[in-house]
Amino acid sequence: MSLGADTEVGTELFTQTRVLDRARLVRYAGASGDFNPIHWNERFATEVGLPGVIAHGMLTMGVAGAALTDWLGDPGRLVSYGCRFTRPVVVPDPGEVEVVVRAVVGSLDAEAGTARIDLTVSVDGSTVLGKAQAHVTVA
């Protein structure tokens, strides 16, 4: 997709839902080397005060970033991306959790040929990533 000349600040680009389950947490743990038991052991997670097993923050961030780069069609258009981790994503077993990613144009820089995309990343209506922003090239 592209951000055309008619794109304005406030334009909603997409809303997508991505699914996380325990199997995905295990695959991410293996890929990242992060085997903290809060990401796979229910007993341990609750003993340390969590509501249950939680997704890795970087996995949640990556899922949101992938939604954006999938929409862009070219991950090379992503210039920068950052966020704050504001709320844990509890992943049930059995079952899955839906992560909703909404992208809106936050600002445009015609001189630089870039746009700031503001992502709202939520689970069950609660925001889980704060100040999730990406800068992308405008094609």
Protein backbone atom coordinates (compact mmCIF):
# COMPACT_ATOMS: atom_id res chain seq x y z
CA MET A 1 0.00 0.00 0.00
CA SER A 2 1.07 3.57 -0.24
CA LEU A 3 0.55 6.85 1.47
CA GLY A 4 -0.65 8.96 -1.43
CA ALA A 5 -0.65 12.70 -1.99
CA ASP A 6 -4.19 12.83 -0.66
CA THR A 7 -3.21 11.27 2.68
CA GLU A 8 -3.83 13.58 5.63
CA VAL A 9 -2.94 13.60 9.28
CA GLY A 10 -5.59 11.55 11.08
CA THR A 11 -6.18 9.16 8.19
CA GLU A 12 -6.76 5.63 9.48
CA LEU A 13 -4.61 3.26 7.46
CA PHE A 14 -5.78 -0.09 8.84
CA THR A 15 -7.01 -2.08 11.78
CA GLN A 16 -5.76 -5.67 12.00
CA THR A 17 -6.12 -8.43 14.54
CA ARG A 18 -3.19 -10.73 15.29
CA VAL A 19 -3.42 -13.84 17.47
CA LEU A 20 -1.01 -15.04 20.16
CA ASP A 21 -1.12 -18.45 21.79
CA ARG A 22 1.24 -20.39 24.05
CA ALA A 23 2.87 -22.17 21.10
CA ARG A 24 3.86 -18.80 19.66
CA LEU A 25 5.36 -17.80 23.01
CA VAL A 26 7.49 -20.96 23.01
CA ARG A 27 8.68 -20.33 19.44
CA TYR A 28 9.54 -16.73 20.31
CA ALA A 29 11.40 -17.81 23.45
CA GLY A 30 13.52 -20.16 21.35
CA ALA A 31 14.24 -17.52 18.72
CA SER A 32 15.03 -14.76 21.22
CA GLY A 33 16.72 -16.84 23.91
CA ASP A 34 14.34 -15.35 26.51
CA PHE A 35 13.22 -18.33 28.58
CA ASN A 36 11.98 -16.33 31.58
CA PRO A 37 9.34 -18.56 33.21
CA ILE A 38 6.79 -15.72 33.28
CA HIS A 39 6.39 -16.48 29.57
CA TRP A 40 5.61 -20.19 29.91
CA ASN A 41 5.00 -21.26 33.54
CA GLU A 42 1.57 -20.38 34.93
CA ARG A 43 2.50 -21.20 38.54
CA PHE A 44 5.64 -19.08 38.46
CA ALA A 45 3.89 -16.16 36.75
CA THR A 46 1.12 -16.02 39.35
CA GLU A 47 3.59 -16.46 42.24
CA VAL A 48 5.41 -13.29 41.15
CA GLY A 49 2.13 -11.36 41.01
CA LEU A 50 1.17 -11.59 37.36
CA PRO A 51 -2.35 -12.53 36.29
CA GLY A 52 -0.95 -15.48 34.32
CA VAL A 53 1.60 -16.27 31.64
CA ILE A 54 2.36 -13.12 29.66
CA ALA A 55 3.66 -12.56 26.15
CA HIS A 56 7.16 -11.19 25.73
CA GLY A 57 6.97 -7.41 25.34
CA MET A 58 9.21 -7.52 22.29
CA LEU A 59 6.94 -10.16 20.74
CA THR A 60 3.94 -7.88 21.18
CA MET A 61 5.93 -5.00 19.72
CA GLY A 62 7.03 -7.19 16.82
CA VAL A 63 3.48 -8.34 16.08
CA ALA A 64 2.38 -4.70 15.84
CA GLY A 65 5.38 -3.77 13.70
CA ALA A 66 4.73 -6.71 11.38
CA ALA A 67 1.13 -5.55 10.90
CA LEU A 68 2.51 -2.21 9.72
CA THR A 69 5.21 -3.60 7.44
CA ASP A 70 2.73 -6.11 5.98
CA TRP A 71 0.42 -3.19 5.17
CA LEU A 72 3.30 -1.17 3.70
CA GLY A 73 4.26 -4.11 1.48
CA ASP A 74 7.98 -3.40 1.94
CA PRO A 75 9.65 -3.65 5.35
CA GLY A 76 12.46 -1.47 3.99
CA ARG A 77 10.09 1.50 4.19
CA LEU A 78 10.18 1.35 7.99
CA VAL A 79 12.69 3.98 9.12
CA SER A 80 12.21 3.72 12.88
CA TYR A 81 9.82 2.22 15.40
CA GLY A 82 9.47 2.51 19.15
CA CYS A 83 7.00 2.08 21.99
CA ARG A 84 6.54 1.79 25.72
CA PHE A 85 5.34 -1.43 27.32
CA THR A 86 2.30 -0.34 29.34
CA ARG A 87 0.32 -3.48 30.15
CA PRO A 88 1.07 -7.22 30.04
CA VAL A 89 -0.60 -9.41 27.44
CA VAL A 90 -1.94 -12.46 29.26
CA VAL A 91 -2.02 -15.56 27.05
CA PRO A 92 -4.47 -18.24 28.24
CA ASP A 93 -3.93 -21.98 28.07
CA PRO A 94 -5.75 -23.37 26.33
CA GLY A 95 -6.72 -20.60 24.01
CA GLU A 96 -5.37 -17.49 22.43
CA VAL A 97 -5.47 -13.74 22.81
CA GLU A 98 -6.30 -11.24 20.07
CA VAL A 99 -4.01 -8.24 19.69
CA VAL A 100 -5.68 -5.41 17.76
CA VAL A 101 -3.41 -3.03 15.87
CA ARG A 102 -4.81 0.25 14.51
CA ALA A 103 -2.62 2.58 12.44
CA VAL A 104 -3.29 6.29 11.93
CA VAL A 105 -1.18 8.96 10.22
CA GLY A 106 0.21 11.11 13.03
CA SER A 107 2.24 13.56 10.98
CA LEU A 108 3.64 14.08 7.50
CA ASP A 109 7.02 15.53 6.52
CA ALA A 110 6.87 16.33 2.81
CA GLU A 111 10.46 17.60 2.77
CA ALA A 112 11.86 14.37 4.24
CA GLY A 113 9.36 12.16 2.40
CA THR A 114 8.29 10.47 5.63
CA ALA A 115 5.23 10.00 7.78
CA ARG A 116 4.82 9.23 11.45
CA ILE A 117 2.38 6.40 11.97
CA ASP A 118 0.73 6.17 15.37
CA LEU A 119 -0.19 2.63 16.35
CA THR A 120 -2.81 1.81 18.94
CA VAL A 121 -2.15 -1.73 20.15
CA SER A 122 -4.79 -3.21 22.42
CA VAL A 123 -6.16 -6.38 23.96
CA ASP A 124 -9.80 -6.53 25.06
CA GLY A 125 -10.06 -2.76 24.61
CA SER A 126 -7.04 -1.96 26.83
CA THR A 127 -3.92 -0.41 25.33
CA VAL A 128 -0.86 -2.64 25.83
CA LEU A 129 1.78 -0.55 24.05
CA GLY A 130 2.09 3.16 24.76
CA LYS A 131 3.40 5.79 22.38
CA ALA A 132 3.80 3.19 19.65
CA GLN A 133 5.08 5.22 16.74
CA ALA A 134 6.81 4.39 13.50
CA HIS A 135 8.40 6.59 10.88
CA VAL A 136 8.01 5.33 7.33
CA THR A 137 8.96 6.57 3.90
CA VAL A 138 6.14 7.84 1.76
CA ALA A 139 5.97 6.01 -1.57
